[in-house]
Amino acid sequence: MTRMAESQSITLADLRPGQAGSIEAVDTDGPGVLRLMALGLVEGALVRFKHAAIGGDPLEISVYGASISLRRDQARNFRLAGALPGE
């Protein structure tokens, strides 16, 4: 597990509907992060932002064919290696 360094990189919380990215680093100190990692949010995983609920929270993403909902503050614990354009 990697401690996420302070930087200007994009996080899972920064994606827009349809965009995707590969997880580059995980801040394992965040609340609930280990549970999310057990669900597949690990370094190297390709995640796609599906949509956000009314008000912007929670977010729904897909990873390894499964849909996962998480809070925007939890999504900030996952740094991506850039974002791919939406569908």
PDB file of N, CA and C in Angstrom:
ATOM      1  N   MET A   1       0.839  -1.183   0.000  1.00  0.00           N
ATOM      2  CA  MET A   1       0.000   0.000   0.000  1.00  0.00           C
ATOM      3  C   MET A   1       0.880   1.240   0.000  1.00  0.00           C
ATOM      4  N   THR A   2       0.432   2.226  -0.700  1.00  0.00           N
ATOM      5  CA  THR A   2       1.218   3.438  -0.875  1.00  0.00           C
ATOM      6  C   THR A   2       0.571   4.608  -0.175  1.00  0.00           C
ATOM      7  N   ARG A   3       1.382   5.388   0.495  1.00  0.00           N
ATOM      8  CA  ARG A   3       0.912   6.642   1.091  1.00  0.00           C
ATOM      9  C   ARG A   3       0.923   7.680  -0.019  1.00  0.00           C
ATOM     10  N   MET A   4      -0.211   8.334  -0.258  1.00  0.00           N
ATOM     11  CA  MET A   4      -0.317   9.272  -1.368  1.00  0.00           C
ATOM     12  C   MET A   4       0.430  10.556  -1.052  1.00  0.00           C
ATOM     13  N   ALA A   5       1.286  10.975  -1.954  1.00  0.00           N
ATOM     14  CA  ALA A   5       2.059  12.206  -1.787  1.00  0.00           C
ATOM     15  C   ALA A   5       1.200  13.418  -2.116  1.00  0.00           C
ATOM     16  N   GLU A   6       1.525  14.538  -1.489  1.00  0.00           N
ATOM     17  CA  GLU A   6       0.845  15.796  -1.786  1.00  0.00           C
ATOM     18  C   GLU A   6       1.233  16.233  -3.193  1.00  0.00           C
ATOM     19  N   SER A   7       0.251  16.463  -4.040  1.00  0.00           N
ATOM     20  CA  SER A   7       0.546  16.909  -5.397  1.00  0.00           C
ATOM     21  C   SER A   7      -0.709  17.490  -6.022  1.00  0.00           C
ATOM     22  N   GLN A   8      -0.584  17.932  -7.252  1.00  0.00           N
ATOM     23  CA  GLN A   8      -1.690  18.526  -7.986  1.00  0.00           C
ATOM     24  C   GLN A   8      -2.355  17.489  -8.887  1.00  0.00           C
ATOM     25  N   SER A   9      -2.155  16.220  -8.639  1.00  0.00           N
ATOM     26  CA  SER A   9      -2.704  15.198  -9.519  1.00  0.00           C
ATOM     27  C   SER A   9      -4.218  15.075  -9.348  1.00  0.00           C
ATOM     28  N   ILE A  10      -4.821  14.405 -10.304  1.00  0.00           N
ATOM     29  CA  ILE A  10      -6.265  14.208 -10.294  1.00  0.00           C
ATOM     30  C   ILE A  10      -6.624  13.047  -9.368  1.00  0.00           C
ATOM     31  N   THR A  11      -7.753  13.172  -8.694  1.00  0.00           N
ATOM     32  CA  THR A  11      -8.242  12.087  -7.846  1.00  0.00           C
ATOM     33  C   THR A  11      -9.534  11.540  -8.430  1.00  0.00           C
ATOM     34  N   LEU A  12      -9.985  10.441  -7.889  1.00  0.00           N
ATOM     35  CA  LEU A  12     -11.242   9.851  -8.319  1.00  0.00           C
ATOM     36  C   LEU A  12     -12.394  10.843  -8.170  1.00  0.00           C
ATOM     37  N   ALA A  13     -12.321  11.716  -7.183  1.00  0.00           N
ATOM     38  CA  ALA A  13     -13.370  12.718  -6.956  1.00  0.00           C
ATOM     39  C   ALA A  13     -13.415  13.775  -8.057  1.00  0.00           C
ATOM     40  N   ASP A  14     -12.346  13.909  -8.841  1.00  0.00           N
ATOM     41  CA  ASP A  14     -12.275  14.928  -9.894  1.00  0.00           C
ATOM     42  C   ASP A  14     -12.849  14.469 -11.234  1.00  0.00           C
ATOM     43  N   LEU A  15     -13.130  13.178 -11.371  1.00  0.00           N
ATOM     44  CA  LEU A  15     -13.657  12.676 -12.638  1.00  0.00           C
ATOM     45  C   LEU A  15     -15.065  13.193 -12.892  1.00  0.00           C
ATOM     46  N   ARG A  16     -15.430  13.249 -14.161  1.00  0.00           N
ATOM     47  CA  ARG A  16     -16.772  13.631 -14.598  1.00  0.00           C
ATOM     48  C   ARG A  16     -17.452  12.385 -15.173  1.00  0.00           C
ATOM     49  N   PRO A  17     -18.782  12.383 -15.249  1.00  0.00           N
ATOM     50  CA  PRO A  17     -19.487  11.203 -15.772  1.00  0.00           C
ATOM     51  C   PRO A  17     -18.925  10.726 -17.111  1.00  0.00           C
ATOM     52  N   GLY A  18     -18.665   9.416 -17.183  1.00  0.00           N
ATOM     53  CA  GLY A  18     -18.123   8.797 -18.385  1.00  0.00           C
ATOM     54  C   GLY A  18     -16.616   8.733 -18.424  1.00  0.00           C
ATOM     55  N   GLN A  19     -15.935   9.572 -17.650  1.00  0.00           N
ATOM     56  CA  GLN A  19     -14.468   9.547 -17.648  1.00  0.00           C
ATOM     57  C   GLN A  19     -13.961   8.333 -16.874  1.00  0.00           C
ATOM     58  N   ALA A  20     -12.747   7.930 -17.211  1.00  0.00           N
ATOM     59  CA  ALA A  20     -12.114   6.793 -16.552  1.00  0.00           C
ATOM     60  C   ALA A  20     -10.667   7.132 -16.253  1.00  0.00           C
ATOM     61  N   GLY A  21     -10.066   6.364 -15.364  1.00  0.00           N
ATOM     62  CA  GLY A  21      -8.660   6.538 -15.038  1.00  0.00           C
ATOM     63  C   GLY A  21      -8.133   5.320 -14.313  1.00  0.00           C
ATOM     64  N   SER A  22      -6.830   5.182 -14.304  1.00  0.00           N
ATOM     65  CA  SER A  22      -6.170   4.080 -13.617  1.00  0.00           C
ATOM     66  C   SER A  22      -5.661   4.577 -12.267  1.00  0.00           C
ATOM     67  N   ILE A  23      -5.946   3.829 -11.209  1.00  0.00           N
ATOM     68  CA  ILE A  23      -5.504   4.231  -9.874  1.00  0.00           C
ATOM     69  C   ILE A  23      -3.988   4.120  -9.803  1.00  0.00           C
ATOM     70  N   GLU A  24      -3.360   5.223  -9.424  1.00  0.00           N
ATOM     71  CA  GLU A  24      -1.901   5.311  -9.350  1.00  0.00           C
ATOM     72  C   GLU A  24      -1.404   5.168  -7.913  1.00  0.00           C
ATOM     73  N   ALA A  25      -2.156   5.706  -6.954  1.00  0.00           N
ATOM     74  CA  ALA A  25      -1.748   5.655  -5.550  1.00  0.00           C
ATOM     75  C   ALA A  25      -2.981   5.759  -4.665  1.00  0.00           C
ATOM     76  N   VAL A  26      -2.861   5.205  -3.463  1.00  0.00           N
ATOM     77  CA  VAL A  26      -3.965   5.201  -2.506  1.00  0.00           C
ATOM     78  C   VAL A  26      -3.470   5.742  -1.178  1.00  0.00           C
ATOM     79  N   ASP A  27      -4.221   6.690  -0.611  1.00  0.00           N
ATOM     80  CA  ASP A  27      -3.933   7.188   0.735  1.00  0.00           C
ATOM     81  C   ASP A  27      -4.668   6.275   1.700  1.00  0.00           C
ATOM     82  N   THR A  28      -3.960   5.349   2.298  1.00  0.00           N
ATOM     83  CA  THR A  28      -4.579   4.337   3.146  1.00  0.00           C
ATOM     84  C   THR A  28      -4.986   4.848   4.518  1.00  0.00           C
ATOM     85  N   ASP A  29      -4.714   6.114   4.828  1.00  0.00           N
ATOM     86  CA  ASP A  29      -5.096   6.664   6.124  1.00  0.00           C
ATOM     87  C   ASP A  29      -6.538   7.148   6.153  1.00  0.00           C
ATOM     88  N   GLY A  30      -7.181   7.256   5.006  1.00  0.00           N
ATOM     89  CA  GLY A  30      -8.545   7.773   4.945  1.00  0.00           C
ATOM     90  C   GLY A  30      -9.550   6.793   5.544  1.00  0.00           C
ATOM     91  N   PRO A  31     -10.692   7.314   6.026  1.00  0.00           N
ATOM     92  CA  PRO A  31     -11.707   6.447   6.620  1.00  0.00           C
ATOM     93  C   PRO A  31     -12.361   5.548   5.572  1.00  0.00           C
ATOM     94  N   GLY A  32     -12.451   4.274   5.850  1.00  0.00           N
ATOM     95  CA  GLY A  32     -13.104   3.329   4.953  1.00  0.00           C
ATOM     96  C   GLY A  32     -12.300   2.918   3.742  1.00  0.00           C
ATOM     97  N   VAL A  33     -11.070   3.390   3.625  1.00  0.00           N
ATOM     98  CA  VAL A  33     -10.273   3.110   2.422  1.00  0.00           C
ATOM     99  C   VAL A  33      -9.942   1.623   2.301  1.00  0.00           C
ATOM    100  N   LEU A  34      -9.616   0.965   3.385  1.00  0.00           N
ATOM    101  CA  LEU A  34      -9.275  -0.459   3.308  1.00  0.00           C
ATOM    102  C   LEU A  34     -10.468  -1.282   2.829  1.00  0.00           C
ATOM    103  N   ARG A  35     -11.682  -0.908   3.237  1.00  0.00           N
ATOM    104  CA  ARG A  35     -12.886  -1.600   2.766  1.00  0.00           C
ATOM    105  C   ARG A  35     -13.041  -1.409   1.260  1.00  0.00           C
ATOM    106  N   LEU A  36     -12.819  -0.178   0.786  1.00  0.00           N
ATOM    107  CA  LEU A  36     -12.926   0.098  -0.650  1.00  0.00           C
ATOM    108  C   LEU A  36     -11.849  -0.644  -1.436  1.00  0.00           C
ATOM    109  N   MET A  37     -10.667  -0.776  -0.853  1.00  0.00           N
ATOM    110  CA  MET A  37      -9.603  -1.535  -1.514  1.00  0.00           C
ATOM    111  C   MET A  37     -10.003  -3.007  -1.635  1.00  0.00           C
ATOM    112  N   ALA A  38     -10.669  -3.542  -0.619  1.00  0.00           N
ATOM    113  CA  ALA A  38     -11.130  -4.931  -0.672  1.00  0.00           C
ATOM    114  C   ALA A  38     -12.169  -5.135  -1.774  1.00  0.00           C
ATOM    115  N   LEU A  39     -12.850  -4.054  -2.161  1.00  0.00           N
ATOM    116  CA  LEU A  39     -13.844  -4.111  -3.232  1.00  0.00           C
ATOM    117  C   LEU A  39     -13.223  -3.921  -4.620  1.00  0.00           C
ATOM    118  N   GLY A  40     -11.905  -3.691  -4.680  1.00  0.00           N
ATOM    119  CA  GLY A  40     -11.225  -3.598  -5.971  1.00  0.00           C
ATOM    120  C   GLY A  40     -10.577  -2.272  -6.293  1.00  0.00           C
ATOM    121  N   LEU A  41     -10.715  -1.274  -5.428  1.00  0.00           N
ATOM    122  CA  LEU A  41     -10.080   0.027  -5.681  1.00  0.00           C
ATOM    123  C   LEU A  41      -8.625  -0.037  -5.222  1.00  0.00           C
ATOM    124  N   VAL A  42      -7.789  -0.608  -6.067  1.00  0.00           N
ATOM    125  CA  VAL A  42      -6.375  -0.811  -5.752  1.00  0.00           C
ATOM    126  C   VAL A  42      -5.522  -0.217  -6.869  1.00  0.00           C
ATOM    127  N   GLU A  43      -4.232  -0.045  -6.593  1.00  0.00           N
ATOM    128  CA  GLU A  43      -3.313   0.488  -7.599  1.00  0.00           C
ATOM    129  C   GLU A  43      -3.378  -0.357  -8.868  1.00  0.00           C
ATOM    130  N   GLY A  44      -3.475   0.313 -10.003  1.00  0.00           N
ATOM    131  CA  GLY A  44      -3.540  -0.358 -11.294  1.00  0.00           C
ATOM    132  C   GLY A  44      -4.950  -0.619 -11.800  1.00  0.00           C
ATOM    133  N   ALA A  45      -5.946  -0.508 -10.935  1.00  0.00           N
ATOM    134  CA  ALA A  45      -7.333  -0.763 -11.351  1.00  0.00           C
ATOM    135  C   ALA A  45      -7.844   0.376 -12.230  1.00  0.00           C
ATOM    136  N   LEU A  46      -8.556   0.025 -13.285  1.00  0.00           N
ATOM    137  CA  LEU A  46      -9.195   1.014 -14.150  1.00  0.00           C
ATOM    138  C   LEU A  46     -10.595   1.266 -13.605  1.00  0.00           C
ATOM    139  N   VAL A  47     -10.891   2.514 -13.280  1.00  0.00           N
ATOM    140  CA  VAL A  47     -12.197   2.884 -12.735  1.00  0.00           C
ATOM    141  C   VAL A  47     -12.884   3.855 -13.689  1.00  0.00           C
ATOM    142  N   ARG A  48     -14.207   3.750 -13.779  1.00  0.00           N
ATOM    143  CA  ARG A  48     -14.997   4.650 -14.621  1.00  0.00           C
ATOM    144  C   ARG A  48     -16.051   5.306 -13.748  1.00  0.00           C
ATOM    145  N   PHE A  49     -16.141   6.628 -13.854  1.00  0.00           N
ATOM    146  CA  PHE A  49     -17.141   7.398 -13.115  1.00  0.00           C
ATOM    147  C   PHE A  49     -18.470   7.253 -13.845  1.00  0.00           C
ATOM    148  N   LYS A  50     -19.484   6.739 -13.162  1.00  0.00           N
ATOM    149  CA  LYS A  50     -20.794   6.549 -13.790  1.00  0.00           C
ATOM    150  C   LYS A  50     -21.667   7.782 -13.599  1.00  0.00           C
ATOM    151  N   HIS A  51     -21.922   8.157 -12.352  1.00  0.00           N
ATOM    152  CA  HIS A  51     -22.705   9.364 -12.074  1.00  0.00           C
ATOM    153  C   HIS A  51     -22.672   9.680 -10.582  1.00  0.00           C
ATOM    154  N   ALA A  52     -23.168  10.869 -10.265  1.00  0.00           N
ATOM    155  CA  ALA A  52     -23.276  11.304  -8.872  1.00  0.00           C
ATOM    156  C   ALA A  52     -24.751  11.499  -8.548  1.00  0.00           C
ATOM    157  N   ALA A  53     -25.094  11.308  -7.294  1.00  0.00           N
ATOM    158  CA  ALA A  53     -26.465  11.536  -6.847  1.00  0.00           C
ATOM    159  C   ALA A  53     -26.777  13.030  -6.879  1.00  0.00           C
ATOM    160  N   ILE A  54     -28.032  13.355  -6.752  1.00  0.00           N
ATOM    161  CA  ILE A  54     -28.442  14.757  -6.682  1.00  0.00           C
ATOM    162  C   ILE A  54     -27.687  15.409  -5.530  1.00  0.00           C
ATOM    163  N   GLY A  55     -27.115  16.562  -5.768  1.00  0.00           N
ATOM    164  CA  GLY A  55     -26.301  17.226  -4.758  1.00  0.00           C
ATOM    165  C   GLY A  55     -24.829  16.853  -4.852  1.00  0.00           C
ATOM    166  N   GLY A  56     -24.497  15.879  -5.717  1.00  0.00           N
ATOM    167  CA  GLY A  56     -23.102  15.539  -5.948  1.00  0.00           C
ATOM    168  C   GLY A  56     -22.502  14.466  -5.063  1.00  0.00           C
ATOM    169  N   ASP A  57     -23.274  13.883  -4.171  1.00  0.00           N
ATOM    170  CA  ASP A  57     -22.734  12.876  -3.257  1.00  0.00           C
ATOM    171  C   ASP A  57     -23.840  11.894  -2.903  1.00  0.00           C
ATOM    172  N   PRO A  58     -23.637  10.595  -2.911  1.00  0.00           N
ATOM    173  CA  PRO A  58     -22.417   9.863  -3.225  1.00  0.00           C
ATOM    174  C   PRO A  58     -22.189   9.734  -4.736  1.00  0.00           C
ATOM    175  N   LEU A  59     -21.025   9.168  -5.068  1.00  0.00           N
ATOM    176  CA  LEU A  59     -20.626   8.927  -6.447  1.00  0.00           C
ATOM    177  C   LEU A  59     -20.815   7.449  -6.751  1.00  0.00           C
ATOM    178  N   GLU A  60     -21.103   7.132  -8.004  1.00  0.00           N
ATOM    179  CA  GLU A  60     -21.139   5.735  -8.415  1.00  0.00           C
ATOM    180  C   GLU A  60     -20.070   5.532  -9.472  1.00  0.00           C
ATOM    181  N   ILE A  61     -19.232   4.527  -9.246  1.00  0.00           N
ATOM    182  CA  ILE A  61     -18.157   4.202 -10.175  1.00  0.00           C
ATOM    183  C   ILE A  61     -18.254   2.730 -10.540  1.00  0.00           C
ATOM    184  N   SER A  62     -17.561   2.349 -11.593  1.00  0.00           N
ATOM    185  CA  SER A  62     -17.451   0.924 -11.895  1.00  0.00           C
ATOM    186  C   SER A  62     -15.976   0.548 -11.878  1.00  0.00           C
ATOM    187  N   VAL A  63     -15.717  -0.629 -11.345  1.00  0.00           N
ATOM    188  CA  VAL A  63     -14.365  -1.179 -11.283  1.00  0.00           C
ATOM    189  C   VAL A  63     -14.484  -2.698 -11.416  1.00  0.00           C
ATOM    190  N   TYR A  64     -13.721  -3.281 -12.315  1.00  0.00           N
ATOM    191  CA  TYR A  64     -13.763  -4.725 -12.563  1.00  0.00           C
ATOM    192  C   TYR A  64     -15.186  -5.226 -12.786  1.00  0.00           C
ATOM    193  N   GLY A  65     -16.037  -4.429 -13.459  1.00  0.00           N
ATOM    194  CA  GLY A  65     -17.392  -4.843 -13.789  1.00  0.00           C
ATOM    195  C   GLY A  65     -18.420  -4.657 -12.690  1.00  0.00           C
ATOM    196  N   ALA A  66     -18.004  -4.212 -11.529  1.00  0.00           N
ATOM    197  CA  ALA A  66     -18.926  -3.993 -10.411  1.00  0.00           C
ATOM    198  C   ALA A  66     -19.172  -2.504 -10.219  1.00  0.00           C
ATOM    199  N   SER A  67     -20.363  -2.154  -9.767  1.00  0.00           N
ATOM    200  CA  SER A  67     -20.682  -0.765  -9.434  1.00  0.00           C
ATOM    201  C   SER A  67     -20.507  -0.564  -7.939  1.00  0.00           C
ATOM    202  N   ILE A  68     -19.833   0.521  -7.580  1.00  0.00           N
ATOM    203  CA  ILE A  68     -19.558   0.846  -6.177  1.00  0.00           C
ATOM    204  C   ILE A  68     -19.953   2.290  -5.936  1.00  0.00           C
ATOM    205  N   SER A  69     -20.617   2.535  -4.822  1.00  0.00           N
ATOM    206  CA  SER A  69     -20.936   3.906  -4.417  1.00  0.00           C
ATOM    207  C   SER A  69     -20.030   4.301  -3.265  1.00  0.00           C
ATOM    208  N   LEU A  70     -19.535   5.526  -3.316  1.00  0.00           N
ATOM    209  CA  LEU A  70     -18.688   6.040  -2.248  1.00  0.00           C
ATOM    210  C   LEU A  70     -18.855   7.545  -2.150  1.00  0.00           C
ATOM    211  N   ARG A  71     -18.493   8.073  -1.012  1.00  0.00           N
ATOM    212  CA  ARG A  71     -18.578   9.514  -0.777  1.00  0.00           C
ATOM    213  C   ARG A  71     -17.438  10.224  -1.498  1.00  0.00           C
ATOM    214  N   ARG A  72     -17.686  11.473  -1.863  1.00  0.00           N
ATOM    215  CA  ARG A  72     -16.673  12.276  -2.555  1.00  0.00           C
ATOM    216  C   ARG A  72     -15.405  12.403  -1.703  1.00  0.00           C
ATOM    217  N   ASP A  73     -15.551  12.562  -0.374  1.00  0.00           N
ATOM    218  CA  ASP A  73     -14.356  12.680   0.476  1.00  0.00           C
ATOM    219  C   ASP A  73     -13.558  11.383   0.481  1.00  0.00           C
ATOM    220  N   GLN A  74     -14.217  10.228   0.360  1.00  0.00           N
ATOM    221  CA  GLN A  74     -13.495   8.961   0.253  1.00  0.00           C
ATOM    222  C   GLN A  74     -12.789   8.865  -1.100  1.00  0.00           C
ATOM    223  N   ALA A  75     -13.432   9.350  -2.156  1.00  0.00           N
ATOM    224  CA  ALA A  75     -12.862   9.289  -3.506  1.00  0.00           C
ATOM    225  C   ALA A  75     -11.573  10.099  -3.611  1.00  0.00           C
ATOM    226  N   ARG A  76     -11.412  11.097  -2.763  1.00  0.00           N
ATOM    227  CA  ARG A  76     -10.187  11.915  -2.787  1.00  0.00           C
ATOM    228  C   ARG A  76      -8.955  11.138  -2.324  1.00  0.00           C
ATOM    229  N   ASN A  77      -9.134   9.964  -1.742  1.00  0.00           N
ATOM    230  CA  ASN A  77      -8.018   9.135  -1.290  1.00  0.00           C
ATOM    231  C   ASN A  77      -7.383   8.316  -2.414  1.00  0.00           C
ATOM    232  N   PHE A  78      -7.954   8.389  -3.624  1.00  0.00           N
ATOM    233  CA  PHE A  78      -7.477   7.587  -4.743  1.00  0.00           C
ATOM    234  C   PHE A  78      -6.966   8.498  -5.848  1.00  0.00           C
ATOM    235  N   ARG A  79      -5.638   8.530  -6.023  1.00  0.00           N
ATOM    236  CA  ARG A  79      -5.010   9.365  -7.055  1.00  0.00           C
ATOM    237  C   ARG A  79      -4.937   8.566  -8.355  1.00  0.00           C
ATOM    238  N   LEU A  80      -5.255   9.238  -9.455  1.00  0.00           N
ATOM    239  CA  LEU A  80      -5.284   8.587 -10.761  1.00  0.00           C
ATOM    240  C   LEU A  80      -4.119   9.033 -11.629  1.00  0.00           C
ATOM    241  N   ALA A  81      -3.746   8.171 -12.558  1.00  0.00           N
ATOM    242  CA  ALA A  81      -2.679   8.479 -13.514  1.00  0.00           C
ATOM    243  C   ALA A  81      -3.281   9.170 -14.728  1.00  0.00           C
ATOM    244  N   GLY A  82      -4.108  10.186 -14.503  1.00  0.00           N
ATOM    245  CA  GLY A  82      -4.759  10.911 -15.594  1.00  0.00           C
ATOM    246  C   GLY A  82      -6.159  10.394 -15.837  1.00  0.00           C
ATOM    247  N   ALA A  83      -6.920  11.138 -16.610  1.00  0.00           N
ATOM    248  CA  ALA A  83      -8.299  10.764 -16.919  1.00  0.00           C
ATOM    249  C   ALA A  83      -8.449  10.516 -18.406  1.00  0.00           C
ATOM    250  N   LEU A  84      -9.183   9.476 -18.740  1.00  0.00           N
ATOM    251  CA  LEU A  84      -9.501   9.170 -20.128  1.00  0.00           C
ATOM    252  C   LEU A  84     -10.837   9.816 -20.457  1.00  0.00           C
ATOM    253  N   PRO A  85     -11.042  10.243 -21.695  1.00  0.00           N
ATOM    254  CA  PRO A  85     -12.299  10.905 -22.062  1.00  0.00           C
ATOM    255  C   PRO A  85     -13.505  10.011 -21.822  1.00  0.00           C
ATOM    256  N   GLY A  86     -14.651  10.654 -21.657  1.00  0.00           N
ATOM    257  CA  GLY A  86     -15.901   9.925 -21.452  1.00  0.00           C
ATOM    258  C   GLY A  86     -16.332   9.194 -22.707  1.00  0.00           C
ATOM    259  N   GLU A  87     -17.344   8.372 -22.539  1.00  0.00           N
ATOM    260  CA  GLU A  87     -17.849   7.555 -23.651  1.00  0.00           C
ATOM    261  C   GLU A  87     -18.584   8.391 -24.657  1.00  0.00           C
TER     262      GLU A  87
END
